[in-house]
Amino acid sequence: MRHGGIDRDGDKLTVRFSNADDANRARGILAENLRELSFAMDGNNVVGTFTEAARKAVQDAAVKQNITTLHNRVNELGVAEPVIQQQGSDRIVVQLPGVQDTAKAKDIIGRTATLEARLADPDAPRNPRAGDPVPFGSELFTQATALRWC
């Protein structure tokens, strides 16, 4: 279907059409295929907003993901029996019994994660022997017991 443009304003999505018949037909197709949005007509426009269930699901998933990340970071501190739990719909409580260096704990918990991707050298041996020289322009990375040049 041809449309006259799509706009996003906050959590609202507006699809413009040249006539109400096209808009109404598009609304049916969109509602059938995008169940996490509710669609309404506004003249020749179809306006979609997230359903409350979809918003709650996204928020709950984000909080759970943050709790998992915090558990991984707190493990670096070596704290015995840390408490990391959800409080309300959008808060997380972190309790670290016995931690003396609170600045270091805040730094580890609050730091920004980084992801690094590197291309593997397809010509490098799958398992180089310890002591083999690393080819020029490559680096040797270890993962568990496997060695790989990249």
N, C-alpha and C. Protein backbone atom coordinates (compact mmCIF):
# COMPACT_ATOMS: atom_id res chain seq x y z
N MET A 1 0.84 -1.19 0.00
CA MET A 1 0.00 0.00 0.00
C MET A 1 0.88 1.24 0.00
N ARG A 2 0.47 2.21 -0.74
CA ARG A 2 1.19 3.48 -0.76
C ARG A 2 0.72 4.34 0.39
N HIS A 3 1.67 4.99 1.02
CA HIS A 3 1.34 5.91 2.11
C HIS A 3 1.99 7.25 1.82
N GLY A 4 1.58 8.25 2.55
CA GLY A 4 2.09 9.60 2.34
C GLY A 4 3.19 9.98 3.30
N GLY A 5 3.67 9.02 4.06
CA GLY A 5 4.76 9.28 4.99
C GLY A 5 4.46 8.69 6.36
N ILE A 6 5.52 8.50 7.12
CA ILE A 6 5.42 7.94 8.47
C ILE A 6 6.14 8.89 9.41
N ASP A 7 5.49 9.25 10.49
CA ASP A 7 6.09 10.13 11.50
C ASP A 7 6.06 9.43 12.85
N ARG A 8 7.08 9.72 13.65
CA ARG A 8 7.12 9.21 15.01
C ARG A 8 7.24 10.39 15.95
N ASP A 9 6.37 10.44 16.92
CA ASP A 9 6.39 11.50 17.92
C ASP A 9 6.29 10.83 19.28
N GLY A 10 7.42 10.74 19.97
CA GLY A 10 7.44 10.04 21.26
C GLY A 10 7.13 8.58 21.06
N ASP A 11 6.08 8.11 21.70
CA ASP A 11 5.70 6.70 21.56
C ASP A 11 4.54 6.51 20.59
N LYS A 12 4.27 7.52 19.77
CA LYS A 12 3.17 7.48 18.81
C LYS A 12 3.73 7.40 17.39
N LEU A 13 3.14 6.53 16.58
CA LEU A 13 3.52 6.35 15.20
C LEU A 13 2.34 6.73 14.31
N THR A 14 2.55 7.64 13.38
CA THR A 14 1.48 8.10 12.49
C THR A 14 1.84 7.78 11.05
N VAL A 15 0.93 7.08 10.36
CA VAL A 15 1.10 6.77 8.95
C VAL A 15 0.03 7.56 8.19
N ARG A 16 0.49 8.40 7.26
CA ARG A 16 -0.43 9.26 6.50
C ARG A 16 -0.85 8.58 5.19
N PHE A 17 -2.13 8.75 4.85
CA PHE A 17 -2.68 8.22 3.60
C PHE A 17 -3.43 9.33 2.88
N SER A 18 -3.66 9.12 1.58
CA SER A 18 -4.34 10.15 0.79
C SER A 18 -5.85 10.11 0.97
N ASN A 19 -6.40 8.96 1.41
CA ASN A 19 -7.85 8.90 1.63
C ASN A 19 -8.17 7.97 2.79
N ALA A 20 -9.36 8.10 3.31
CA ALA A 20 -9.78 7.36 4.50
C ALA A 20 -9.92 5.87 4.22
N ASP A 21 -10.30 5.48 2.99
CA ASP A 21 -10.45 4.06 2.66
C ASP A 21 -9.11 3.33 2.75
N ASP A 22 -8.06 3.94 2.16
CA ASP A 22 -6.72 3.34 2.25
C ASP A 22 -6.25 3.27 3.69
N ALA A 23 -6.51 4.33 4.44
CA ALA A 23 -6.09 4.36 5.84
C ALA A 23 -6.78 3.27 6.63
N ASN A 24 -8.09 3.09 6.39
CA ASN A 24 -8.84 2.08 7.13
C ASN A 24 -8.37 0.67 6.77
N ARG A 25 -8.09 0.43 5.49
CA ARG A 25 -7.56 -0.87 5.06
C ARG A 25 -6.19 -1.13 5.68
N ALA A 26 -5.33 -0.11 5.69
CA ALA A 26 -3.99 -0.24 6.29
C ALA A 26 -4.09 -0.50 7.79
N ARG A 27 -5.04 0.17 8.43
CA ARG A 27 -5.22 -0.04 9.89
C ARG A 27 -5.51 -1.51 10.18
N GLY A 28 -6.36 -2.15 9.36
CA GLY A 28 -6.67 -3.56 9.55
C GLY A 28 -5.44 -4.44 9.38
N ILE A 29 -4.65 -4.15 8.35
CA ILE A 29 -3.44 -4.94 8.10
C ILE A 29 -2.43 -4.76 9.23
N LEU A 30 -2.23 -3.52 9.64
CA LEU A 30 -1.28 -3.24 10.72
C LEU A 30 -1.72 -3.89 12.03
N ALA A 31 -3.01 -3.78 12.35
CA ALA A 31 -3.52 -4.35 13.60
C ALA A 31 -3.37 -5.87 13.60
N GLU A 32 -3.51 -6.48 12.44
CA GLU A 32 -3.39 -7.93 12.34
C GLU A 32 -1.94 -8.41 12.52
N ASN A 33 -0.99 -7.59 12.05
CA ASN A 33 0.41 -8.00 12.04
C ASN A 33 1.24 -7.44 13.19
N LEU A 34 0.80 -6.37 13.80
CA LEU A 34 1.56 -5.75 14.90
C LEU A 34 0.69 -5.70 16.14
N ARG A 35 0.61 -6.80 16.83
CA ARG A 35 -0.30 -6.92 17.97
C ARG A 35 0.14 -6.12 19.19
N GLU A 36 1.41 -5.73 19.24
CA GLU A 36 1.89 -4.95 20.39
C GLU A 36 1.52 -3.47 20.28
N LEU A 37 0.93 -3.09 19.15
CA LEU A 37 0.47 -1.71 18.97
C LEU A 37 -1.05 -1.70 18.84
N SER A 38 -1.67 -0.63 19.33
CA SER A 38 -3.09 -0.44 19.08
C SER A 38 -3.21 0.72 18.09
N PHE A 39 -4.09 0.56 17.11
CA PHE A 39 -4.21 1.53 16.03
C PHE A 39 -5.56 2.22 16.06
N ALA A 40 -5.55 3.51 15.77
CA ALA A 40 -6.78 4.31 15.70
C ALA A 40 -6.71 5.16 14.45
N MET A 41 -7.86 5.61 14.01
CA MET A 41 -7.93 6.48 12.84
C MET A 41 -7.95 7.93 13.29
N ASP A 42 -7.27 8.77 12.51
CA ASP A 42 -7.30 10.21 12.74
C ASP A 42 -7.39 10.86 11.36
N GLY A 43 -8.61 10.95 10.86
CA GLY A 43 -8.82 11.45 9.49
C GLY A 43 -8.28 10.45 8.50
N ASN A 44 -7.33 10.86 7.66
CA ASN A 44 -6.69 9.96 6.69
C ASN A 44 -5.42 9.34 7.25
N ASN A 45 -5.24 9.42 8.54
CA ASN A 45 -4.03 8.90 9.18
C ASN A 45 -4.36 7.71 10.07
N VAL A 46 -3.39 6.79 10.16
CA VAL A 46 -3.49 5.70 11.11
C VAL A 46 -2.47 5.99 12.21
N VAL A 47 -2.92 6.02 13.45
CA VAL A 47 -2.05 6.34 14.58
C VAL A 47 -1.90 5.09 15.44
N GLY A 48 -0.67 4.67 15.65
CA GLY A 48 -0.38 3.49 16.47
C GLY A 48 0.34 3.87 17.74
N THR A 49 -0.07 3.26 18.83
CA THR A 49 0.61 3.43 20.13
C THR A 49 0.80 2.06 20.74
N PHE A 50 1.84 1.92 21.55
CA PHE A 50 2.09 0.65 22.21
C PHE A 50 0.98 0.35 23.21
N THR A 51 0.59 -0.92 23.25
CA THR A 51 -0.39 -1.32 24.25
C THR A 51 0.28 -1.30 25.62
N GLU A 52 -0.52 -1.23 26.65
CA GLU A 52 0.02 -1.22 28.01
C GLU A 52 0.77 -2.52 28.30
N ALA A 53 0.26 -3.64 27.79
CA ALA A 53 0.93 -4.93 28.00
C ALA A 53 2.31 -4.94 27.33
N ALA A 54 2.42 -4.36 26.14
CA ALA A 54 3.71 -4.31 25.44
C ALA A 54 4.69 -3.41 26.18
N ARG A 55 4.22 -2.28 26.68
CA ARG A 55 5.09 -1.38 27.46
C ARG A 55 5.61 -2.08 28.71
N LYS A 56 4.70 -2.76 29.40
CA LYS A 56 5.10 -3.45 30.63
C LYS A 56 6.10 -4.57 30.33
N ALA A 57 5.87 -5.30 29.24
CA ALA A 57 6.78 -6.38 28.87
C ALA A 57 8.18 -5.85 28.57
N VAL A 58 8.26 -4.73 27.84
CA VAL A 58 9.57 -4.13 27.53
C VAL A 58 10.25 -3.64 28.80
N GLN A 59 9.51 -2.99 29.67
CA GLN A 59 10.08 -2.48 30.91
C GLN A 59 10.56 -3.63 31.81
N ASP A 60 9.75 -4.68 31.93
CA ASP A 60 10.15 -5.83 32.75
C ASP A 60 11.39 -6.50 32.19
N ALA A 61 11.46 -6.64 30.87
CA ALA A 61 12.64 -7.25 30.25
C ALA A 61 13.87 -6.40 30.48
N ALA A 62 13.73 -5.08 30.41
CA ALA A 62 14.87 -4.18 30.62
C ALA A 62 15.37 -4.28 32.06
N VAL A 63 14.46 -4.33 33.03
CA VAL A 63 14.87 -4.44 34.43
C VAL A 63 15.56 -5.78 34.67
N LYS A 64 15.02 -6.88 34.13
CA LYS A 64 15.64 -8.20 34.29
C LYS A 64 17.04 -8.23 33.67
N GLN A 65 17.18 -7.62 32.49
CA GLN A 65 18.48 -7.57 31.84
C GLN A 65 19.48 -6.77 32.68
N ASN A 66 19.03 -5.67 33.26
CA ASN A 66 19.91 -4.87 34.12
C ASN A 66 20.31 -5.64 35.37
N ILE A 67 19.40 -6.40 35.94
CA ILE A 67 19.72 -7.20 37.12
C ILE A 67 20.79 -8.24 36.77
N THR A 68 20.66 -8.88 35.61
CA THR A 68 21.66 -9.86 35.17
C THR A 68 23.02 -9.19 35.00
N THR A 69 23.04 -8.02 34.37
CA THR A 69 24.29 -7.28 34.18
C THR A 69 24.91 -6.92 35.53
N LEU A 70 24.09 -6.45 36.45
CA LEU A 70 24.60 -6.09 37.78
C LEU A 70 25.17 -7.31 38.50
N HIS A 71 24.50 -8.47 38.39
CA HIS A 71 25.03 -9.70 39.01
C HIS A 71 26.42 -10.01 38.46
N ASN A 72 26.58 -9.89 37.15
CA ASN A 72 27.88 -10.19 36.54
C ASN A 72 28.95 -9.21 37.03
N ARG A 73 28.60 -7.94 37.15
CA ARG A 73 29.58 -6.95 37.60
C ARG A 73 29.90 -7.11 39.07
N VAL A 74 28.92 -7.42 39.88
CA VAL A 74 29.15 -7.59 41.32
C VAL A 74 30.02 -8.82 41.57
N ASN A 75 29.91 -9.84 40.71
CA ASN A 75 30.76 -11.02 40.86
C ASN A 75 32.23 -10.67 40.78
N GLU A 76 32.57 -9.62 40.00
CA GLU A 76 33.96 -9.16 39.90
C GLU A 76 34.48 -8.65 41.24
N LEU A 77 33.58 -8.17 42.08
CA LEU A 77 33.99 -7.64 43.39
C LEU A 77 34.29 -8.73 44.40
N GLY A 78 33.81 -9.94 44.14
CA GLY A 78 34.03 -11.04 45.06
C GLY A 78 33.23 -10.90 46.35
N VAL A 79 32.09 -10.26 46.28
CA VAL A 79 31.26 -10.06 47.48
C VAL A 79 30.49 -11.34 47.78
N ALA A 80 30.53 -11.75 49.05
CA ALA A 80 29.77 -12.91 49.47
C ALA A 80 28.32 -12.51 49.68
N GLU A 81 27.42 -13.22 49.07
CA GLU A 81 25.98 -13.04 49.21
C GLU A 81 25.50 -11.62 48.95
N PRO A 82 25.76 -11.09 47.75
CA PRO A 82 25.21 -9.77 47.43
C PRO A 82 23.70 -9.86 47.22
N VAL A 83 23.00 -8.77 47.46
CA VAL A 83 21.56 -8.72 47.25
C VAL A 83 21.29 -7.76 46.10
N ILE A 84 20.73 -8.29 45.02
CA ILE A 84 20.36 -7.47 43.86
C ILE A 84 18.93 -7.85 43.53
N GLN A 85 18.03 -6.91 43.76
CA GLN A 85 16.62 -7.25 43.54
C GLN A 85 15.84 -6.06 43.01
N GLN A 86 14.75 -6.39 42.35
CA GLN A 86 13.87 -5.37 41.81
C GLN A 86 13.03 -4.79 42.92
N GLN A 87 12.87 -3.48 42.90
CA GLN A 87 12.02 -2.80 43.88
C GLN A 87 11.05 -1.94 43.09
N GLY A 88 9.79 -2.29 43.12
CA GLY A 88 8.81 -1.59 42.31
C GLY A 88 8.95 -1.98 40.86
N SER A 89 8.39 -1.15 39.98
CA SER A 89 8.42 -1.52 38.56
C SER A 89 9.67 -1.05 37.83
N ASP A 90 10.40 -0.07 38.42
CA ASP A 90 11.53 0.49 37.67
C ASP A 90 12.75 0.81 38.53
N ARG A 91 12.90 0.13 39.64
CA ARG A 91 14.06 0.36 40.50
C ARG A 91 14.74 -0.96 40.84
N ILE A 92 16.06 -0.88 41.03
CA ILE A 92 16.85 -2.05 41.42
C ILE A 92 17.65 -1.67 42.66
N VAL A 93 17.61 -2.52 43.67
CA VAL A 93 18.36 -2.30 44.91
C VAL A 93 19.57 -3.23 44.89
N VAL A 94 20.75 -2.66 45.16
CA VAL A 94 22.00 -3.43 45.23
C VAL A 94 22.57 -3.27 46.63
N GLN A 95 22.75 -4.39 47.34
CA GLN A 95 23.36 -4.37 48.68
C GLN A 95 24.60 -5.26 48.63
N LEU A 96 25.74 -4.67 49.04
CA LEU A 96 27.01 -5.37 48.99
C LEU A 96 27.60 -5.44 50.40
N PRO A 97 27.23 -6.45 51.18
CA PRO A 97 27.73 -6.53 52.55
C PRO A 97 29.24 -6.73 52.59
N GLY A 98 29.88 -5.96 53.44
CA GLY A 98 31.31 -6.10 53.65
C GLY A 98 32.19 -5.36 52.67
N VAL A 99 31.65 -4.64 51.73
CA VAL A 99 32.47 -3.91 50.77
C VAL A 99 33.01 -2.66 51.44
N GLN A 100 34.33 -2.53 51.44
CA GLN A 100 34.98 -1.38 52.08
C GLN A 100 35.20 -0.24 51.09
N ASP A 101 35.57 -0.58 49.87
CA ASP A 101 35.87 0.43 48.85
C ASP A 101 34.62 0.72 48.02
N THR A 102 33.77 1.62 48.53
CA THR A 102 32.51 1.90 47.85
C THR A 102 32.74 2.60 46.51
N ALA A 103 33.81 3.39 46.40
CA ALA A 103 34.08 4.08 45.14
C ALA A 103 34.37 3.06 44.03
N LYS A 104 35.17 2.04 44.35
CA LYS A 104 35.48 0.99 43.37
C LYS A 104 34.21 0.22 43.00
N ALA A 105 33.38 -0.07 43.98
CA ALA A 105 32.13 -0.79 43.72
C ALA A 105 31.23 0.02 42.79
N LYS A 106 31.09 1.31 43.06
CA LYS A 106 30.26 2.17 42.21
C LYS A 106 30.83 2.25 40.80
N ASP A 107 32.17 2.29 40.69
CA ASP A 107 32.81 2.35 39.38
C ASP A 107 32.52 1.08 38.58
N ILE A 108 32.66 -0.08 39.20
CA ILE A 108 32.43 -1.35 38.51
C ILE A 108 30.96 -1.49 38.13
N ILE A 109 30.06 -1.14 39.04
CA ILE A 109 28.63 -1.29 38.77
C ILE A 109 28.17 -0.30 37.71
N GLY A 110 28.70 0.92 37.73
CA GLY A 110 28.20 1.97 36.86
C GLY A 110 28.91 2.14 35.54
N ARG A 111 29.93 1.35 35.28
CA ARG A 111 30.69 1.57 34.04
C ARG A 111 29.88 1.16 32.80
N THR A 112 30.26 1.73 31.70
CA THR A 112 29.62 1.45 30.42
C THR A 112 30.23 0.19 29.83
N ALA A 113 29.38 -0.70 29.35
CA ALA A 113 29.86 -1.94 28.74
C ALA A 113 30.41 -1.65 27.35
N THR A 114 31.37 -2.45 26.92
CA THR A 114 31.91 -2.32 25.57
C THR A 114 31.86 -3.68 24.88
N LEU A 115 31.66 -3.64 23.61
CA LEU A 115 31.66 -4.84 22.80
C LEU A 115 32.69 -4.64 21.70
N GLU A 116 33.55 -5.62 21.53
CA GLU A 116 34.60 -5.51 20.53
C GLU A 116 34.50 -6.70 19.59
N ALA A 117 34.49 -6.43 18.30
CA ALA A 117 34.45 -7.49 17.30
C ALA A 117 35.75 -7.48 16.52
N ARG A 118 36.29 -8.67 16.27
CA ARG A 118 37.53 -8.79 15.52
C ARG A 118 37.37 -9.90 14.49
N LEU A 119 37.99 -9.71 13.35
CA LEU A 119 37.95 -10.72 12.32
C LEU A 119 39.00 -11.79 12.61
N ALA A 120 38.59 -13.04 12.49
CA ALA A 120 39.54 -14.13 12.68
C ALA A 120 40.30 -14.36 11.39
N ASP A 121 41.56 -14.71 11.51
CA ASP A 121 42.40 -15.01 10.35
C ASP A 121 42.03 -16.39 9.84
N PRO A 122 41.42 -16.50 8.65
CA PRO A 122 40.98 -17.82 8.16
C PRO A 122 42.15 -18.75 7.82
N ASP A 123 43.36 -18.18 7.64
CA ASP A 123 44.51 -19.01 7.30
C ASP A 123 45.28 -19.48 8.52
N ALA A 124 44.91 -18.98 9.69
CA ALA A 124 45.64 -19.34 10.90
C ALA A 124 45.27 -20.76 11.33
N PRO A 125 46.22 -21.47 11.95
CA PRO A 125 45.90 -22.81 12.44
C PRO A 125 44.79 -22.73 13.49
N ARG A 126 43.96 -23.75 13.53
CA ARG A 126 42.84 -23.76 14.49
C ARG A 126 43.35 -23.79 15.93
N ASN A 127 44.37 -24.55 16.20
CA ASN A 127 44.92 -24.66 17.55
C ASN A 127 46.43 -24.54 17.51
N PRO A 128 46.95 -23.31 17.48
CA PRO A 128 48.41 -23.16 17.45
C PRO A 128 49.02 -23.72 18.73
N ARG A 129 50.23 -24.25 18.59
CA ARG A 129 50.93 -24.80 19.77
C ARG A 129 51.48 -23.66 20.60
N ALA A 130 51.56 -23.90 21.88
CA ALA A 130 52.16 -22.91 22.77
C ALA A 130 53.58 -22.64 22.32
N GLY A 131 53.94 -21.38 22.23
CA GLY A 131 55.28 -21.01 21.81
C GLY A 131 55.39 -20.70 20.33
N ASP A 132 54.37 -21.05 19.52
CA ASP A 132 54.40 -20.69 18.10
C ASP A 132 54.39 -19.17 17.98
N PRO A 133 55.18 -18.62 17.05
CA PRO A 133 55.15 -17.16 16.89
C PRO A 133 53.83 -16.70 16.30
N VAL A 134 53.36 -15.56 16.75
CA VAL A 134 52.13 -14.99 16.23
C VAL A 134 52.48 -14.28 14.92
N PRO A 135 51.73 -14.55 13.84
CA PRO A 135 52.03 -13.91 12.56
C PRO A 135 51.96 -12.39 12.67
N PHE A 136 52.79 -11.72 11.85
CA PHE A 136 52.83 -10.26 11.85
C PHE A 136 51.45 -9.70 11.54
N GLY A 137 51.03 -8.68 12.31
CA GLY A 137 49.74 -8.05 12.10
C GLY A 137 48.59 -8.76 12.76
N SER A 138 48.88 -9.83 13.49
CA SER A 138 47.83 -10.59 14.17
C SER A 138 48.02 -10.49 15.68
N GLU A 139 46.99 -10.85 16.40
CA GLU A 139 47.07 -10.94 17.85
C GLU A 139 46.59 -12.32 18.24
N LEU A 140 47.09 -12.83 19.35
CA LEU A 140 46.69 -14.15 19.83
C LEU A 140 45.68 -13.96 20.95
N PHE A 141 44.48 -14.55 20.80
CA PHE A 141 43.45 -14.48 21.82
C PHE A 141 43.19 -15.88 22.34
N THR A 142 42.93 -15.98 23.61
CA THR A 142 42.60 -17.28 24.20
C THR A 142 41.16 -17.23 24.69
N GLN A 143 40.50 -18.36 24.54
CA GLN A 143 39.15 -18.50 25.07
C GLN A 143 39.09 -19.89 25.66
N ALA A 144 38.97 -19.96 26.97
CA ALA A 144 39.03 -21.22 27.68
C ALA A 144 40.35 -21.89 27.33
N THR A 145 40.34 -23.05 26.67
CA THR A 145 41.58 -23.72 26.33
C THR A 145 41.95 -23.54 24.87
N ALA A 146 41.08 -22.90 24.09
CA ALA A 146 41.36 -22.73 22.64
C ALA A 146 42.18 -21.47 22.42
N LEU A 147 43.12 -21.55 21.50
CA LEU A 147 43.92 -20.40 21.07
C LEU A 147 43.55 -20.09 19.64
N ARG A 148 43.52 -18.81 19.29
CA ARG A 148 43.19 -18.44 17.91
C ARG A 148 43.89 -17.15 17.57
N TRP A 149 44.49 -17.08 16.38
CA TRP A 149 45.09 -15.84 15.91
C TRP A 149 44.01 -15.01 15.24
N CYS A 150 44.03 -13.71 15.45
CA CYS A 150 43.09 -12.78 14.80
C CYS A 150 43.86 -11.60 14.26
